Amino acid sequence: MQLSTVFVAVLAAAASAAPTAPKVIIHDSRSAVDSLGSLSSYFNTLAAKAQAAKIANKSAVCDLSKASMPLAPNALPVPSAGLSLRHVAVGRGTQNYTCDTSNPSSAPTAAGAVAHLFNASCVAALYPDLLEQIPGMAVHFDISATQQLGPSGLLESGVHYFTNATTPFFNVQSQGKEIGQAPCQKNSTSPAPSGAAVGQQGEAAVPWLQLTTRDGATGGMKEVYRLTTAGGSASSTCEGQSETFQVEYAALYWFWAE
């Protein structure tokens, strides 16, 4: 593929007509500052990469063996021996919570998550610094109407949800071809880095995770990492919350397989 192919798709999406363009969500002045900061950083990086690609004008290959995961503040286990990186996706959706409304001082309880996945494998292999900007940008865009990841131009590559209270599940595919299904369990966790991107209303980034697959995984899927999170954390108490509520989030998911 040409080095600039990714940027052509991204810039075309960013310039799309208003009726179909993704809607950016800004709730208040703090959210506006965070949104504009994340968007500015994303587009500045994009512009620099597009210019570099134009100057280079040469072919490049999306070789996932060249991709490298960011390091967590508290080190997560490295991928097990014999595994290779199969897919990288941006997840965009909600972290879900429940509250005991009779006890406003109680803490919200996590109740799973739901997200669309978008194929970021080539971005991970070729433009890692741009990849790191995407969750902080994407969390401020509504995808419910267009199923488009903000102005990124990335194609959908699956879904993420919970099959029960303790089993996050991923159905990963690319251009209609299944890559694998991964029922998982949490194996290790790290807080998000200080300065991690916040959510639409200033919510802190959810932790980084390493997940391992349960019985029933397909496509050789063995381990999944949730990294570079943006938003998704609940408030510290249930005061003012409904019995169930959602917090918008985005993250990078790295899928490792045999």
C-alpha atoms as a PDB file:
ATOM      1  CA  MET A   1       0.000   0.000   0.000  1.00  0.00           C
ATOM      2  CA  GLN A   2       1.087   3.592  -0.445  1.00  0.00           C
ATOM      3  CA  LEU A   3       2.387   5.299   2.659  1.00  0.00           C
ATOM      4  CA  SER A   4      -0.331   7.943   2.398  1.00  0.00           C
ATOM      5  CA  THR A   5      -3.299   5.560   2.000  1.00  0.00           C
ATOM      6  CA  VAL A   6      -4.340   5.749   5.647  1.00  0.00           C
ATOM      7  CA  PHE A   7      -4.301   9.544   5.549  1.00  0.00           C
ATOM      8  CA  VAL A   8      -6.409   9.708   2.396  1.00  0.00           C
ATOM      9  CA  ALA A   9      -9.171   7.813   4.183  1.00  0.00           C
ATOM     10  CA  VAL A  10      -8.839   9.909   7.316  1.00  0.00           C
ATOM     11  CA  LEU A  11      -8.852  13.247   5.542  1.00  0.00           C
ATOM     12  CA  ALA A  12     -11.762  12.220   3.339  1.00  0.00           C
ATOM     13  CA  ALA A  13     -13.787  11.346   6.428  1.00  0.00           C
ATOM     14  CA  ALA A  14     -12.858  14.597   8.117  1.00  0.00           C
ATOM     15  CA  ALA A  15     -14.038  16.559   5.099  1.00  0.00           C
ATOM     16  CA  SER A  16     -17.320  14.685   4.709  1.00  0.00           C
ATOM     17  CA  ALA A  17     -20.552  16.635   4.340  1.00  0.00           C
ATOM     18  CA  ALA A  18     -22.205  17.954   7.488  1.00  0.00           C
ATOM     19  CA  PRO A  19     -25.354  15.751   7.389  1.00  0.00           C
ATOM     20  CA  THR A  20     -23.253  12.554   7.646  1.00  0.00           C
ATOM     21  CA  ALA A  21     -20.289  13.829   9.621  1.00  0.00           C
ATOM     22  CA  PRO A  22     -19.851  12.466  13.152  1.00  0.00           C
ATOM     23  CA  LYS A  23     -21.148  14.673  15.936  1.00  0.00           C
ATOM     24  CA  VAL A  24     -18.684  15.947  18.520  1.00  0.00           C
ATOM     25  CA  ILE A  25     -20.064  16.023  22.074  1.00  0.00           C
ATOM     26  CA  ILE A  26     -19.219  19.009  24.293  1.00  0.00           C
ATOM     27  CA  HIS A  27     -21.131  19.318  27.568  1.00  0.00           C
ATOM     28  CA  ASP A  28     -19.462  22.204  29.387  1.00  0.00           C
ATOM     29  CA  SER A  29     -16.441  24.492  29.392  1.00  0.00           C
ATOM     30  CA  ARG A  30     -14.134  21.868  30.871  1.00  0.00           C
ATOM     31  CA  SER A  31     -15.306  19.332  28.288  1.00  0.00           C
ATOM     32  CA  ALA A  32     -14.744  21.905  25.553  1.00  0.00           C
ATOM     33  CA  VAL A  33     -11.132  22.454  26.619  1.00  0.00           C
ATOM     34  CA  ASP A  34     -10.468  18.703  26.801  1.00  0.00           C
ATOM     35  CA  SER A  35     -12.214  18.054  23.479  1.00  0.00           C
ATOM     36  CA  LEU A  36     -10.395  20.787  21.609  1.00  0.00           C
ATOM     37  CA  GLY A  37      -7.059  19.801  23.130  1.00  0.00           C
ATOM     38  CA  SER A  38      -7.464  16.163  22.087  1.00  0.00           C
ATOM     39  CA  LEU A  39      -8.705  17.101  18.619  1.00  0.00           C
ATOM     40  CA  SER A  40      -5.909  19.612  18.100  1.00  0.00           C
ATOM     41  CA  SER A  41      -3.280  17.055  19.093  1.00  0.00           C
ATOM     42  CA  TYR A  42      -4.812  14.420  16.808  1.00  0.00           C
ATOM     43  CA  PHE A  43      -5.058  16.659  13.744  1.00  0.00           C
ATOM     44  CA  ASN A  44      -1.606  18.180  14.275  1.00  0.00           C
ATOM     45  CA  THR A  45      -0.119  14.684  14.336  1.00  0.00           C
ATOM     46  CA  LEU A  46      -2.213  13.678  11.332  1.00  0.00           C
ATOM     47  CA  ALA A  47      -1.086  16.699   9.327  1.00  0.00           C
ATOM     48  CA  ALA A  48       2.570  16.023  10.120  1.00  0.00           C
ATOM     49  CA  LYS A  49       2.242  12.384   9.061  1.00  0.00           C
ATOM     50  CA  ALA A  50       0.388  13.289   5.880  1.00  0.00           C
ATOM     51  CA  GLN A  51       3.121  15.743   4.920  1.00  0.00           C
ATOM     52  CA  ALA A  52       5.819  13.166   5.649  1.00  0.00           C
ATOM     53  CA  ALA A  53       3.981  10.581   3.554  1.00  0.00           C
ATOM     54  CA  LYS A  54       3.667  13.035   0.671  1.00  0.00           C
ATOM     55  CA  ILE A  55       7.385  13.770   0.776  1.00  0.00           C
ATOM     56  CA  ALA A  56       8.369  10.094   1.082  1.00  0.00           C
ATOM     57  CA  ASN A  57       5.998   8.944  -1.691  1.00  0.00           C
ATOM     58  CA  LYS A  58       6.928   5.296  -1.250  1.00  0.00           C
ATOM     59  CA  SER A  59       5.214   2.017  -0.511  1.00  0.00           C
ATOM     60  CA  ALA A  60       4.871   0.663   3.013  1.00  0.00           C
ATOM     61  CA  VAL A  61       3.542  -2.588   4.415  1.00  0.00           C
ATOM     62  CA  CYS A  62       1.216  -3.000   7.395  1.00  0.00           C
ATOM     63  CA  ASP A  63       3.539  -5.394   9.223  1.00  0.00           C
ATOM     64  CA  LEU A  64       2.087  -5.990  12.690  1.00  0.00           C
ATOM     65  CA  SER A  65       5.385  -7.450  13.883  1.00  0.00           C
ATOM     66  CA  LYS A  66       6.651  -3.850  13.812  1.00  0.00           C
ATOM     67  CA  ALA A  67       3.908  -2.616  16.169  1.00  0.00           C
ATOM     68  CA  SER A  68       4.799  -2.058  19.813  1.00  0.00           C
ATOM     69  CA  MET A  69       2.420  -1.710  22.744  1.00  0.00           C
ATOM     70  CA  PRO A  70       2.863   1.255  25.115  1.00  0.00           C
ATOM     71  CA  LEU A  71       4.137   0.492  28.610  1.00  0.00           C
ATOM     72  CA  ALA A  72       1.662   0.644  31.483  1.00  0.00           C
ATOM     73  CA  PRO A  73       2.497   2.666  34.636  1.00  0.00           C
ATOM     74  CA  ASN A  74       2.348  -0.603  36.609  1.00  0.00           C
ATOM     75  CA  ALA A  75       3.866  -3.161  34.269  1.00  0.00           C
ATOM     76  CA  LEU A  76       1.408  -5.635  32.763  1.00  0.00           C
ATOM     77  CA  PRO A  77       2.619  -9.153  31.899  1.00  0.00           C
ATOM     78  CA  VAL A  78       4.229  -9.360  28.469  1.00  0.00           C
ATOM     79  CA  PRO A  79       2.491 -11.503  25.822  1.00  0.00           C
ATOM     80  CA  SER A  80       3.163 -15.195  26.333  1.00  0.00           C
ATOM     81  CA  ALA A  81       5.850 -16.948  24.317  1.00  0.00           C
ATOM     82  CA  GLY A  82       4.643 -18.224  20.973  1.00  0.00           C
ATOM     83  CA  LEU A  83       1.965 -15.567  20.493  1.00  0.00           C
ATOM     84  CA  SER A  84       1.920 -12.959  17.741  1.00  0.00           C
ATOM     85  CA  LEU A  85      -0.060  -9.764  17.373  1.00  0.00           C
ATOM     86  CA  ARG A  86      -3.141 -10.558  15.280  1.00  0.00           C
ATOM     87  CA  HIS A  87      -5.164  -7.330  15.345  1.00  0.00           C
ATOM     88  CA  VAL A  88      -5.285  -3.838  16.869  1.00  0.00           C
ATOM     89  CA  ALA A  89      -8.626  -2.084  17.286  1.00  0.00           C
ATOM     90  CA  VAL A  90      -9.977   1.140  18.689  1.00  0.00           C
ATOM     91  CA  GLY A  91     -12.909   0.414  20.971  1.00  0.00           C
ATOM     92  CA  ARG A  92     -15.552   3.135  21.274  1.00  0.00           C
ATOM     93  CA  GLY A  93     -18.576   2.718  23.485  1.00  0.00           C
ATOM     94  CA  THR A  94     -19.682   2.871  27.110  1.00  0.00           C
ATOM     95  CA  GLN A  95     -18.591   1.520  30.458  1.00  0.00           C
ATOM     96  CA  ASN A  96     -21.769   0.547  32.302  1.00  0.00           C
ATOM     97  CA  TYR A  97     -22.559   0.901  36.004  1.00  0.00           C
ATOM     98  CA  THR A  98     -25.300   0.322  38.565  1.00  0.00           C
ATOM     99  CA  CYS A  99     -26.070   2.272  41.730  1.00  0.00           C
ATOM    100  CA  ASP A 100     -27.903   1.665  44.968  1.00  0.00           C
ATOM    101  CA  THR A 101     -30.038   4.784  44.813  1.00  0.00           C
ATOM    102  CA  SER A 102     -31.137   4.282  48.428  1.00  0.00           C
ATOM    103  CA  ASN A 103     -27.536   4.885  49.513  1.00  0.00           C
ATOM    104  CA  PRO A 104     -26.120   7.928  47.689  1.00  0.00           C
ATOM    105  CA  SER A 105     -22.776   7.608  49.470  1.00  0.00           C
ATOM    106  CA  SER A 106     -22.175   4.117  48.074  1.00  0.00           C
ATOM    107  CA  ALA A 107     -19.820   3.587  45.146  1.00  0.00           C
ATOM    108  CA  PRO A 108     -21.115   2.663  41.679  1.00  0.00           C
ATOM    109  CA  THR A 109     -20.691  -0.986  40.690  1.00  0.00           C
ATOM    110  CA  ALA A 110     -19.193  -1.870  37.319  1.00  0.00           C
ATOM    111  CA  ALA A 111     -21.670  -3.691  35.071  1.00  0.00           C
ATOM    112  CA  GLY A 112     -19.722  -4.458  31.920  1.00  0.00           C
ATOM    113  CA  ALA A 113     -19.188  -2.497  28.748  1.00  0.00           C
ATOM    114  CA  VAL A 114     -20.393  -2.279  25.157  1.00  0.00           C
ATOM    115  CA  ALA A 115     -18.264  -0.992  22.293  1.00  0.00           C
ATOM    116  CA  HIS A 116     -17.804  -0.990  18.543  1.00  0.00           C
ATOM    117  CA  LEU A 117     -14.328  -1.991  17.367  1.00  0.00           C
ATOM    118  CA  PHE A 118     -12.507  -0.225  14.527  1.00  0.00           C
ATOM    119  CA  ASN A 119      -9.517  -1.638  12.657  1.00  0.00           C
ATOM    120  CA  ALA A 120      -6.354   0.247  13.583  1.00  0.00           C
ATOM    121  CA  SER A 121      -3.805  -2.448  12.707  1.00  0.00           C
ATOM    122  CA  CYS A 122      -2.115  -0.489   9.928  1.00  0.00           C
ATOM    123  CA  VAL A 123      -1.985   2.650  12.048  1.00  0.00           C
ATOM    124  CA  ALA A 124      -0.377   0.637  14.859  1.00  0.00           C
ATOM    125  CA  ALA A 125       2.249  -0.771  12.504  1.00  0.00           C
ATOM    126  CA  LEU A 126       3.080   2.436  10.638  1.00  0.00           C
ATOM    127  CA  TYR A 127       2.127   5.447  12.780  1.00  0.00           C
ATOM    128  CA  PRO A 128       2.243   4.569  16.515  1.00  0.00           C
ATOM    129  CA  ASP A 129       2.236   8.189  17.678  1.00  0.00           C
ATOM    130  CA  LEU A 130      -0.929   8.867  15.670  1.00  0.00           C
ATOM    131  CA  LEU A 131      -2.509   5.701  17.078  1.00  0.00           C
ATOM    132  CA  GLU A 132      -1.988   6.969  20.623  1.00  0.00           C
ATOM    133  CA  GLN A 133      -3.983  10.130  19.809  1.00  0.00           C
ATOM    134  CA  ILE A 134      -7.083   8.326  18.524  1.00  0.00           C
ATOM    135  CA  PRO A 135      -8.868   7.328  21.778  1.00  0.00           C
ATOM    136  CA  GLY A 136      -8.615  10.855  23.203  1.00  0.00           C
ATOM    137  CA  MET A 137     -10.132  12.174  19.982  1.00  0.00           C
ATOM    138  CA  ALA A 138     -12.730   9.436  19.484  1.00  0.00           C
ATOM    139  CA  VAL A 139     -14.270   9.613  22.967  1.00  0.00           C
ATOM    140  CA  HIS A 140     -15.639  13.070  22.138  1.00  0.00           C
ATOM    141  CA  PHE A 141     -17.536  11.903  19.039  1.00  0.00           C
ATOM    142  CA  ASP A 142     -20.963  10.273  18.962  1.00  0.00           C
ATOM    143  CA  ILE A 143     -20.960   7.109  16.832  1.00  0.00           C
ATOM    144  CA  SER A 144     -24.548   6.005  17.448  1.00  0.00           C
ATOM    145  CA  ALA A 145     -25.945   7.475  14.238  1.00  0.00           C
ATOM    146  CA  THR A 146     -23.123   6.872  11.760  1.00  0.00           C
ATOM    147  CA  GLN A 147     -21.086   4.026  13.323  1.00  0.00           C
ATOM    148  CA  GLN A 148     -18.124   6.090  12.216  1.00  0.00           C
ATOM    149  CA  LEU A 149     -15.168   6.628  14.536  1.00  0.00           C
ATOM    150  CA  GLY A 150     -15.102  10.405  14.556  1.00  0.00           C
ATOM    151  CA  PRO A 151     -13.085  11.732  11.616  1.00  0.00           C
ATOM    152  CA  SER A 152     -10.672   8.763  11.620  1.00  0.00           C
ATOM    153  CA  GLY A 153     -11.972   6.866   8.574  1.00  0.00           C
ATOM    154  CA  LEU A 154     -11.198   3.530  10.280  1.00  0.00           C
ATOM    155  CA  LEU A 155     -13.385   0.583   9.255  1.00  0.00           C
ATOM    156  CA  GLU A 156     -15.447  -1.395  11.758  1.00  0.00           C
ATOM    157  CA  SER A 157     -13.824  -4.643  12.852  1.00  0.00           C
ATOM    158  CA  GLY A 158     -16.172  -6.134  15.409  1.00  0.00           C
ATOM    159  CA  VAL A 159     -17.957  -5.656  18.701  1.00  0.00           C
ATOM    160  CA  HIS A 160     -17.200  -5.924  22.416  1.00  0.00           C
ATOM    161  CA  TYR A 161     -19.683  -6.697  25.178  1.00  0.00           C
ATOM    162  CA  PHE A 162     -20.052  -8.821  28.309  1.00  0.00           C
ATOM    163  CA  THR A 163     -21.743 -12.239  28.196  1.00  0.00           C
ATOM    164  CA  ASN A 164     -22.031 -12.250  31.999  1.00  0.00           C
ATOM    165  CA  ALA A 165     -20.753 -10.170  34.907  1.00  0.00           C
ATOM    166  CA  THR A 166     -17.183 -11.450  34.611  1.00  0.00           C
ATOM    167  CA  THR A 167     -16.745 -12.339  30.930  1.00  0.00           C
ATOM    168  CA  PRO A 168     -15.804  -9.596  28.480  1.00  0.00           C
ATOM    169  CA  PHE A 169     -16.312 -10.901  24.938  1.00  0.00           C
ATOM    170  CA  PHE A 170     -14.840  -9.764  21.629  1.00  0.00           C
ATOM    171  CA  ASN A 171     -15.998 -10.726  18.139  1.00  0.00           C
ATOM    172  CA  VAL A 172     -13.213  -9.529  15.842  1.00  0.00           C
ATOM    173  CA  GLN A 173     -13.374  -9.451  12.058  1.00  0.00           C
ATOM    174  CA  SER A 174     -11.855  -7.600   9.134  1.00  0.00           C
ATOM    175  CA  GLN A 175     -13.695  -6.835   5.900  1.00  0.00           C
ATOM    176  CA  GLY A 176     -16.289  -9.510   6.671  1.00  0.00           C
ATOM    177  CA  LYS A 177     -13.728 -12.215   7.500  1.00  0.00           C
ATOM    178  CA  GLU A 178     -13.671 -13.478  11.066  1.00  0.00           C
ATOM    179  CA  ILE A 179     -10.371 -13.051  12.895  1.00  0.00           C
ATOM    180  CA  GLY A 180     -11.536 -14.662  16.108  1.00  0.00           C
ATOM    181  CA  GLN A 181     -13.907 -14.669  19.045  1.00  0.00           C
ATOM    182  CA  ALA A 182     -12.520 -14.125  22.518  1.00  0.00           C
ATOM    183  CA  PRO A 183     -14.422 -14.715  25.766  1.00  0.00           C
ATOM    184  CA  CYS A 184     -12.016 -13.377  28.387  1.00  0.00           C
ATOM    185  CA  GLN A 185     -11.184 -12.976  32.047  1.00  0.00           C
ATOM    186  CA  LYS A 186      -9.152 -10.238  33.706  1.00  0.00           C
ATOM    187  CA  ASN A 187      -5.588 -11.285  34.488  1.00  0.00           C
ATOM    188  CA  SER A 188      -3.767  -8.042  35.379  1.00  0.00           C
ATOM    189  CA  THR A 189      -4.513  -4.347  35.760  1.00  0.00           C
ATOM    190  CA  SER A 190      -2.708  -1.016  35.895  1.00  0.00           C
ATOM    191  CA  PRO A 191      -4.022   2.499  36.502  1.00  0.00           C
ATOM    192  CA  ALA A 192      -4.062   4.670  33.411  1.00  0.00           C
ATOM    193  CA  PRO A 193      -1.101   7.062  33.154  1.00  0.00           C
ATOM    194  CA  SER A 194      -1.381  10.477  34.760  1.00  0.00           C
ATOM    195  CA  GLY A 195      -2.539  12.836  32.060  1.00  0.00           C
ATOM    196  CA  ALA A 196      -4.550  10.153  30.236  1.00  0.00           C
ATOM    197  CA  ALA A 197      -7.386  11.537  28.114  1.00  0.00           C
ATOM    198  CA  VAL A 198     -10.616  12.223  29.986  1.00  0.00           C
ATOM    199  CA  GLY A 199     -14.175  11.560  28.887  1.00  0.00           C
ATOM    200  CA  GLN A 200     -16.963  13.787  27.625  1.00  0.00           C
ATOM    201  CA  GLN A 201     -17.655  15.244  31.064  1.00  0.00           C
ATOM    202  CA  GLY A 202     -14.132  15.054  32.418  1.00  0.00           C
ATOM    203  CA  GLU A 203     -14.333  11.445  33.623  1.00  0.00           C
ATOM    204  CA  ALA A 204     -10.974   9.821  34.364  1.00  0.00           C
ATOM    205  CA  ALA A 205      -9.602   7.108  32.108  1.00  0.00           C
ATOM    206  CA  VAL A 206     -10.430   3.531  33.095  1.00  0.00           C
ATOM    207  CA  PRO A 207      -7.499   1.240  33.991  1.00  0.00           C
ATOM    208  CA  TRP A 208      -5.328  -0.590  31.508  1.00  0.00           C
ATOM    209  CA  LEU A 209      -5.846  -4.369  31.472  1.00  0.00           C
ATOM    210  CA  GLN A 210      -4.426  -7.654  30.347  1.00  0.00           C
ATOM    211  CA  LEU A 211      -7.110 -10.251  29.652  1.00  0.00           C
ATOM    212  CA  THR A 212      -6.669 -13.956  28.958  1.00  0.00           C
ATOM    213  CA  THR A 213      -9.159 -15.984  26.954  1.00  0.00           C
ATOM    214  CA  ARG A 214     -11.519 -18.595  28.368  1.00  0.00           C
ATOM    215  CA  ASP A 215     -12.613 -21.864  26.779  1.00  0.00           C
ATOM    216  CA  GLY A 216     -14.448 -21.262  23.524  1.00  0.00           C
ATOM    217  CA  ALA A 217     -12.043 -18.744  22.023  1.00  0.00           C
ATOM    218  CA  THR A 218     -11.521 -19.122  18.272  1.00  0.00           C
ATOM    219  CA  GLY A 219      -8.875 -18.023  15.798  1.00  0.00           C
ATOM    220  CA  GLY A 220      -6.122 -18.925  18.246  1.00  0.00           C
ATOM    221  CA  MET A 221      -6.966 -15.905  20.412  1.00  0.00           C
ATOM    222  CA  LYS A 222      -5.135 -16.078  23.749  1.00  0.00           C
ATOM    223  CA  GLU A 223      -4.568 -12.612  25.232  1.00  0.00           C
ATOM    224  CA  VAL A 224      -6.144  -9.172  24.887  1.00  0.00           C
ATOM    225  CA  TYR A 225      -4.736  -5.887  26.194  1.00  0.00           C
ATOM    226  CA  ARG A 226      -6.837  -2.782  26.857  1.00  0.00           C
ATOM    227  CA  LEU A 227      -4.478   0.191  26.663  1.00  0.00           C
ATOM    228  CA  THR A 228      -4.497   3.960  25.983  1.00  0.00           C
ATOM    229  CA  THR A 229      -7.881   4.431  27.611  1.00  0.00           C
ATOM    230  CA  ALA A 230      -9.900   7.653  27.491  1.00  0.00           C
ATOM    231  CA  GLY A 231     -12.768   8.362  29.888  1.00  0.00           C
ATOM    232  CA  GLY A 232     -15.079   5.624  31.140  1.00  0.00           C
ATOM    233  CA  SER A 233     -14.664   5.977  34.920  1.00  0.00           C
ATOM    234  CA  ALA A 234     -17.668   6.436  37.176  1.00  0.00           C
ATOM    235  CA  SER A 235     -18.024   9.089  39.852  1.00  0.00           C
ATOM    236  CA  SER A 236     -16.800   8.098  43.317  1.00  0.00           C
ATOM    237  CA  THR A 237     -20.320   7.892  44.774  1.00  0.00           C
ATOM    238  CA  CYS A 238     -23.862   7.275  43.586  1.00  0.00           C
ATOM    239  CA  GLU A 239     -25.068  10.728  44.575  1.00  0.00           C
ATOM    240  CA  GLY A 240     -27.158  12.147  41.728  1.00  0.00           C
ATOM    241  CA  GLN A 241     -26.900   8.954  39.666  1.00  0.00           C
ATOM    242  CA  SER A 242     -29.722   6.763  38.382  1.00  0.00           C
ATOM    243  CA  GLU A 243     -29.988   3.046  39.116  1.00  0.00           C
ATOM    244  CA  THR A 244     -28.134   2.263  35.892  1.00  0.00           C
ATOM    245  CA  PHE A 245     -25.947   4.608  33.877  1.00  0.00           C
ATOM    246  CA  GLN A 246     -23.250   4.639  31.200  1.00  0.00           C
ATOM    247  CA  VAL A 247     -19.994   6.551  30.812  1.00  0.00           C
ATOM    248  CA  GLU A 248     -18.545   7.106  27.337  1.00  0.00           C
ATOM    249  CA  TYR A 249     -15.049   5.710  26.746  1.00  0.00           C
ATOM    250  CA  ALA A 250     -12.509   4.772  24.111  1.00  0.00           C
ATOM    251  CA  ALA A 251      -9.472   2.490  24.242  1.00  0.00           C
ATOM    252  CA  LEU A 252      -6.984   0.559  22.162  1.00  0.00           C
ATOM    253  CA  TYR A 253      -7.366  -3.225  22.146  1.00  0.00           C
ATOM    254  CA  TRP A 254      -4.405  -5.418  21.194  1.00  0.00           C
ATOM    255  CA  PHE A 255      -5.252  -9.027  20.279  1.00  0.00           C
ATOM    256  CA  TRP A 256      -2.574 -11.722  20.567  1.00  0.00           C
ATOM    257  CA  ALA A 257      -3.018 -15.209  19.111  1.00  0.00           C
ATOM    258  CA  GLU A 258      -1.220 -18.461  18.391  1.00  0.00           C
END
